[in-house]
């Protein structure tokens, strides 16, 4: 029961201080889940993010569910998920009550502009950290560049991009295995 409560509280804390959605929560999850609590490895977290891209729902909620399931089964997934959505439900309910009174207030407008700038940096930080862990060889670098080009210049859905990357990675694996074996025998 202690771990269930901890799952709820950790994900509630991460969710309560994150602006900008699933990508912005990545650095916070990386610190809390990987570095501080060792509930998952960085590779696990990247896998959860990848799977969350192609499953229905919000990225942060899906990641929380996967981590909760890994640690404590069904109830771990439930508590981690509830921890992730609870702060947002409370905050959105409060904002909804007062938004029309403050939406044109210059202080609120400028505060949200500052928050948006901060979110961009948090996402960039997450991309750099993930990139360092994910792009380990020439094959992964090729996939990275190809998907980057698709994301920037083609109107592909993120789901299609993830599926293409998975297929290319799958078909490249035999060649990567041969180059690893060949390189270690020399």
C-alpha atoms as a PDB file:
ATOM      1  CA  UNK A   1       0.000   0.000   0.000  1.00  0.00           C
ATOM      2  CA  UNK A   2       2.911   2.325   0.723  1.00  0.00           C
ATOM      3  CA  UNK A   3       4.207   2.010  -2.856  1.00  0.00           C
ATOM      4  CA  UNK A   4       0.715   2.669  -4.258  1.00  0.00           C
ATOM      5  CA  UNK A   5       0.472   5.905  -2.262  1.00  0.00           C
ATOM      6  CA  UNK A   6       3.992   6.854  -3.313  1.00  0.00           C
ATOM      7  CA  UNK A   7       3.102   6.228  -6.985  1.00  0.00           C
ATOM      8  CA  UNK A   8       0.073   8.498  -6.632  1.00  0.00           C
ATOM      9  CA  UNK A   9       2.030  11.267  -4.876  1.00  0.00           C
ATOM     10  CA  UNK A  10       5.059  11.197  -7.181  1.00  0.00           C
ATOM     11  CA  UNK A  11       2.961  11.376 -10.333  1.00  0.00           C
ATOM     12  CA  UNK A  12       0.693  14.009  -8.770  1.00  0.00           C
ATOM     13  CA  UNK A  13       3.747  16.114  -7.965  1.00  0.00           C
ATOM     14  CA  UNK A  14       5.135  15.731 -11.494  1.00  0.00           C
ATOM     15  CA  UNK A  15       1.770  16.580 -13.023  1.00  0.00           C
ATOM     16  CA  UNK A  16       1.137  19.547 -10.737  1.00  0.00           C
ATOM     17  CA  UNK A  17       4.330  21.356 -11.714  1.00  0.00           C
ATOM     18  CA  UNK A  18       4.305  20.598 -15.445  1.00  0.00           C
ATOM     19  CA  UNK A  19       3.051  23.033 -18.037  1.00  0.00           C
ATOM     20  CA  UNK A  20       3.105  22.070 -21.678  1.00  0.00           C
ATOM     21  CA  UNK A  21       1.920  18.476 -21.743  1.00  0.00           C
ATOM     22  CA  UNK A  22       3.585  15.113 -22.116  1.00  0.00           C
ATOM     23  CA  UNK A  23       6.844  16.311 -23.619  1.00  0.00           C
ATOM     24  CA  UNK A  24       7.437  18.917 -20.947  1.00  0.00           C
ATOM     25  CA  UNK A  25       6.994  16.357 -18.172  1.00  0.00           C
ATOM     26  CA  UNK A  26       9.840  14.197 -19.545  1.00  0.00           C
ATOM     27  CA  UNK A  27      12.716  15.924 -17.696  1.00  0.00           C
ATOM     28  CA  UNK A  28      10.731  15.828 -14.462  1.00  0.00           C
ATOM     29  CA  UNK A  29       9.860  12.143 -14.898  1.00  0.00           C
ATOM     30  CA  UNK A  30      13.445  11.367 -15.855  1.00  0.00           C
ATOM     31  CA  UNK A  31      14.694  12.894 -12.597  1.00  0.00           C
ATOM     32  CA  UNK A  32      11.951  11.496 -10.347  1.00  0.00           C
ATOM     33  CA  UNK A  33      11.502   8.036 -11.863  1.00  0.00           C
ATOM     34  CA  UNK A  34      14.959   7.202 -13.205  1.00  0.00           C
ATOM     35  CA  UNK A  35      17.467   9.148 -11.127  1.00  0.00           C
ATOM     36  CA  UNK A  36      15.799   9.553  -7.721  1.00  0.00           C
ATOM     37  CA  UNK A  37      13.659   6.416  -7.324  1.00  0.00           C
ATOM     38  CA  UNK A  38      15.170   3.988  -9.860  1.00  0.00           C
ATOM     39  CA  UNK A  39      11.705   2.743 -10.792  1.00  0.00           C
ATOM     40  CA  UNK A  40      12.754   2.548 -14.448  1.00  0.00           C
ATOM     41  CA  UNK A  41      15.859   2.943 -16.560  1.00  0.00           C
ATOM     42  CA  UNK A  42      16.270   5.697 -19.128  1.00  0.00           C
ATOM     43  CA  UNK A  43      15.779   3.070 -21.833  1.00  0.00           C
ATOM     44  CA  UNK A  44      12.522   1.975 -20.159  1.00  0.00           C
ATOM     45  CA  UNK A  45      11.336   5.575 -20.012  1.00  0.00           C
ATOM     46  CA  UNK A  46      12.147   6.110 -23.694  1.00  0.00           C
ATOM     47  CA  UNK A  47      10.281   2.906 -24.574  1.00  0.00           C
ATOM     48  CA  UNK A  48       7.253   4.053 -22.553  1.00  0.00           C
ATOM     49  CA  UNK A  49       7.339   7.396 -24.365  1.00  0.00           C
ATOM     50  CA  UNK A  50       7.540   5.684 -27.750  1.00  0.00           C
ATOM     51  CA  UNK A  51       4.630   3.371 -26.937  1.00  0.00           C
ATOM     52  CA  UNK A  52       2.656   6.303 -25.532  1.00  0.00           C
ATOM     53  CA  UNK A  53       2.985   8.092 -28.868  1.00  0.00           C
ATOM     54  CA  UNK A  54       0.987   5.381 -30.635  1.00  0.00           C
ATOM     55  CA  UNK A  55      -1.532   4.491 -27.937  1.00  0.00           C
ATOM     56  CA  UNK A  56      -4.706   6.477 -27.295  1.00  0.00           C
ATOM     57  CA  UNK A  57      -4.594   9.067 -24.552  1.00  0.00           C
ATOM     58  CA  UNK A  58      -2.221  11.617 -23.154  1.00  0.00           C
ATOM     59  CA  UNK A  59       1.482  10.802 -23.158  1.00  0.00           C
ATOM     60  CA  UNK A  60       2.076  11.571 -19.475  1.00  0.00           C
ATOM     61  CA  UNK A  61      -0.919   9.484 -18.401  1.00  0.00           C
ATOM     62  CA  UNK A  62       0.175   6.537 -20.543  1.00  0.00           C
ATOM     63  CA  UNK A  63       3.743   6.682 -19.207  1.00  0.00           C
ATOM     64  CA  UNK A  64       2.459   6.817 -15.635  1.00  0.00           C
ATOM     65  CA  UNK A  65       0.212   3.836 -16.302  1.00  0.00           C
ATOM     66  CA  UNK A  66       3.083   1.800 -17.769  1.00  0.00           C
ATOM     67  CA  UNK A  67       5.375   2.569 -14.827  1.00  0.00           C
ATOM     68  CA  UNK A  68       2.646   1.826 -12.295  1.00  0.00           C
ATOM     69  CA  UNK A  69       1.859  -1.473 -14.036  1.00  0.00           C
ATOM     70  CA  UNK A  70       5.533  -2.416 -14.021  1.00  0.00           C
ATOM     71  CA  UNK A  71       5.939  -1.713 -10.316  1.00  0.00           C
ATOM     72  CA  UNK A  72       2.647  -2.853  -8.803  1.00  0.00           C
ATOM     73  CA  UNK A  73       0.492  -4.434 -11.483  1.00  0.00           C
ATOM     74  CA  UNK A  74      -3.078  -3.302 -12.152  1.00  0.00           C
ATOM     75  CA  UNK A  75      -3.447  -1.210  -8.981  1.00  0.00           C
ATOM     76  CA  UNK A  76      -0.065   0.415  -9.540  1.00  0.00           C
ATOM     77  CA  UNK A  77      -1.263   1.504 -12.969  1.00  0.00           C
ATOM     78  CA  UNK A  78      -4.498   2.855 -11.487  1.00  0.00           C
ATOM     79  CA  UNK A  79      -2.783   4.833  -8.701  1.00  0.00           C
ATOM     80  CA  UNK A  80      -0.087   6.254 -11.003  1.00  0.00           C
ATOM     81  CA  UNK A  81      -2.733   7.254 -13.545  1.00  0.00           C
ATOM     82  CA  UNK A  82      -4.931   8.891 -10.914  1.00  0.00           C
ATOM     83  CA  UNK A  83      -1.885  10.718  -9.549  1.00  0.00           C
ATOM     84  CA  UNK A  84      -1.190  12.097 -12.999  1.00  0.00           C
ATOM     85  CA  UNK A  85      -4.711  13.316 -13.746  1.00  0.00           C
ATOM     86  CA  UNK A  86      -5.769  14.529 -10.289  1.00  0.00           C
ATOM     87  CA  UNK A  87      -3.780  17.825 -10.194  1.00  0.00           C
ATOM     88  CA  UNK A  88      -4.884  18.715 -13.720  1.00  0.00           C
ATOM     89  CA  UNK A  89      -8.532  18.116 -12.858  1.00  0.00           C
ATOM     90  CA  UNK A  90      -8.277  20.348  -9.775  1.00  0.00           C
ATOM     91  CA  UNK A  91      -6.278  23.093 -11.517  1.00  0.00           C
ATOM     92  CA  UNK A  92      -8.515  23.141 -14.613  1.00  0.00           C
ATOM     93  CA  UNK A  93     -11.640  23.267 -12.464  1.00  0.00           C
ATOM     94  CA  UNK A  94     -10.289  26.268 -10.564  1.00  0.00           C
ATOM     95  CA  UNK A  95      -9.121  28.016 -13.750  1.00  0.00           C
ATOM     96  CA  UNK A  96     -12.491  27.419 -15.415  1.00  0.00           C
ATOM     97  CA  UNK A  97     -14.212  29.222 -12.554  1.00  0.00           C
ATOM     98  CA  UNK A  98     -12.090  32.360 -12.930  1.00  0.00           C
ATOM     99  CA  UNK A  99     -10.692  32.358 -16.485  1.00  0.00           C
ATOM    100  CA  UNK A 100     -13.213  34.720 -18.026  1.00  0.00           C
ATOM    101  CA  UNK A 101     -12.429  37.289 -15.333  1.00  0.00           C
ATOM    102  CA  UNK A 102      -8.666  37.175 -15.944  1.00  0.00           C
ATOM    103  CA  UNK A 103      -8.106  36.059 -19.549  1.00  0.00           C
ATOM    104  CA  UNK A 104      -7.410  39.626 -20.744  1.00  0.00           C
ATOM    105  CA  UNK A 105      -5.424  40.677 -17.683  1.00  0.00           C
ATOM    106  CA  UNK A 106      -1.955  41.766 -18.895  1.00  0.00           C
ATOM    107  CA  UNK A 107      -0.244  40.055 -15.953  1.00  0.00           C
ATOM    108  CA  UNK A 108      -1.898  36.713 -16.787  1.00  0.00           C
ATOM    109  CA  UNK A 109      -1.183  37.097 -20.513  1.00  0.00           C
ATOM    110  CA  UNK A 110       2.518  37.823 -19.863  1.00  0.00           C
ATOM    111  CA  UNK A 111       2.797  35.051 -17.278  1.00  0.00           C
ATOM    112  CA  UNK A 112       1.504  32.503 -19.792  1.00  0.00           C
ATOM    113  CA  UNK A 113       3.920  33.854 -22.425  1.00  0.00           C
ATOM    114  CA  UNK A 114       6.777  33.243 -19.980  1.00  0.00           C
ATOM    115  CA  UNK A 115       5.488  29.761 -19.207  1.00  0.00           C
ATOM    116  CA  UNK A 116       5.360  28.927 -22.934  1.00  0.00           C
ATOM    117  CA  UNK A 117       9.015  30.000 -23.332  1.00  0.00           C
ATOM    118  CA  UNK A 118       9.994  27.830 -20.375  1.00  0.00           C
ATOM    119  CA  UNK A 119       8.097  24.846 -21.797  1.00  0.00           C
ATOM    120  CA  UNK A 120      10.072  25.133 -25.053  1.00  0.00           C
ATOM    121  CA  UNK A 121      13.336  24.882 -23.109  1.00  0.00           C
ATOM    122  CA  UNK A 122      12.071  21.920 -21.065  1.00  0.00           C
ATOM    123  CA  UNK A 123      11.110  20.099 -24.255  1.00  0.00           C
ATOM    124  CA  UNK A 124      14.482  20.917 -25.872  1.00  0.00           C
ATOM    125  CA  UNK A 125      16.251  19.579 -22.778  1.00  0.00           C
ATOM    126  CA  UNK A 126      14.224  16.361 -23.014  1.00  0.00           C
ATOM    127  CA  UNK A 127      15.022  16.009 -26.724  1.00  0.00           C
ATOM    128  CA  UNK A 128      18.756  16.419 -26.111  1.00  0.00           C
ATOM    129  CA  UNK A 129      18.768  13.882 -23.265  1.00  0.00           C
ATOM    130  CA  UNK A 130      16.707  11.369 -25.244  1.00  0.00           C
ATOM    131  CA  UNK A 131      18.835  11.907 -28.334  1.00  0.00           C
ATOM    132  CA  UNK A 132      22.052  11.162 -26.453  1.00  0.00           C
ATOM    133  CA  UNK A 133      20.577   7.905 -25.149  1.00  0.00           C
ATOM    134  CA  UNK A 134      18.761   6.840 -28.337  1.00  0.00           C
ATOM    135  CA  UNK A 135      21.110   7.631 -31.210  1.00  0.00           C
ATOM    136  CA  UNK A 136      23.867   5.140 -30.445  1.00  0.00           C
ATOM    137  CA  UNK A 137      25.030   4.074 -33.908  1.00  0.00           C
ATOM    138  CA  UNK A 138      24.858   4.980 -37.602  1.00  0.00           C
ATOM    139  CA  UNK A 139      21.597   3.076 -38.101  1.00  0.00           C
ATOM    140  CA  UNK A 140      19.831   4.958 -35.319  1.00  0.00           C
ATOM    141  CA  UNK A 141      21.273   8.222 -36.626  1.00  0.00           C
ATOM    142  CA  UNK A 142      19.814   7.411 -40.065  1.00  0.00           C
ATOM    143  CA  UNK A 143      16.385   6.734 -38.511  1.00  0.00           C
ATOM    144  CA  UNK A 144      16.674   9.947 -36.493  1.00  0.00           C
ATOM    145  CA  UNK A 145      17.439  12.046 -39.579  1.00  0.00           C
ATOM    146  CA  UNK A 146      14.739  10.387 -41.694  1.00  0.00           C
ATOM    147  CA  UNK A 147      12.022  10.886 -39.079  1.00  0.00           C
ATOM    148  CA  UNK A 148      13.234  14.441 -38.419  1.00  0.00           C
ATOM    149  CA  UNK A 149      12.888  15.191 -42.138  1.00  0.00           C
ATOM    150  CA  UNK A 150       9.391  13.661 -42.188  1.00  0.00           C
ATOM    151  CA  UNK A 151       8.378  15.667 -39.122  1.00  0.00           C
ATOM    152  CA  UNK A 152       9.673  18.936 -40.542  1.00  0.00           C
ATOM    153  CA  UNK A 153       8.705  18.635 -44.196  1.00  0.00           C
ATOM    154  CA  UNK A 154       5.879  16.106 -44.557  1.00  0.00           C
ATOM    155  CA  UNK A 155       2.380  16.124 -43.077  1.00  0.00           C
ATOM    156  CA  UNK A 156       2.778  12.723 -41.387  1.00  0.00           C
ATOM    157  CA  UNK A 157       1.029  11.863 -38.160  1.00  0.00           C
ATOM    158  CA  UNK A 158       3.348  11.095 -35.222  1.00  0.00           C
ATOM    159  CA  UNK A 159       1.793   7.618 -35.178  1.00  0.00           C
ATOM    160  CA  UNK A 160       2.908   7.007 -38.782  1.00  0.00           C
ATOM    161  CA  UNK A 161       6.391   8.316 -37.949  1.00  0.00           C
ATOM    162  CA  UNK A 162       6.699   5.957 -34.967  1.00  0.00           C
ATOM    163  CA  UNK A 163       5.479   3.003 -37.035  1.00  0.00           C
ATOM    164  CA  UNK A 164       7.922   3.811 -39.850  1.00  0.00           C
ATOM    165  CA  UNK A 165      10.800   4.119 -37.352  1.00  0.00           C
ATOM    166  CA  UNK A 166       9.810   0.811 -35.735  1.00  0.00           C
ATOM    167  CA  UNK A 167       9.685  -0.966 -39.090  1.00  0.00           C
ATOM    168  CA  UNK A 168      13.031   0.458 -40.238  1.00  0.00           C
ATOM    169  CA  UNK A 169      14.610  -0.427 -36.875  1.00  0.00           C
ATOM    170  CA  UNK A 170      13.223  -3.944 -37.085  1.00  0.00           C
ATOM    171  CA  UNK A 171      14.532  -4.530 -40.607  1.00  0.00           C
ATOM    172  CA  UNK A 172      17.908  -2.929 -39.805  1.00  0.00           C
ATOM    173  CA  UNK A 173      18.479  -5.123 -36.734  1.00  0.00           C
ATOM    174  CA  UNK A 174      19.966  -8.131 -38.590  1.00  0.00           C
ATOM    175  CA  UNK A 175      22.512  -5.837 -40.233  1.00  0.00           C
ATOM    176  CA  UNK A 176      23.315  -4.122 -36.947  1.00  0.00           C
ATOM    177  CA  UNK A 177      23.783  -7.507 -35.251  1.00  0.00           C
ATOM    178  CA  UNK A 178      26.200  -8.620 -38.008  1.00  0.00           C
ATOM    179  CA  UNK A 179      28.247  -5.425 -37.741  1.00  0.00           C
ATOM    180  CA  UNK A 180      28.427  -5.778 -33.954  1.00  0.00           C
ATOM    181  CA  UNK A 181      29.508  -9.428 -34.195  1.00  0.00           C
ATOM    182  CA  UNK A 182      31.916  -8.646 -37.007  1.00  0.00           C
ATOM    183  CA  UNK A 183      33.405  -5.737 -35.077  1.00  0.00           C
ATOM    184  CA  UNK A 184      33.894  -7.760 -31.888  1.00  0.00           C
ATOM    185  CA  UNK A 185      35.672 -10.625 -33.663  1.00  0.00           C
ATOM    186  CA  UNK A 186      38.377  -8.395 -35.137  1.00  0.00           C
END
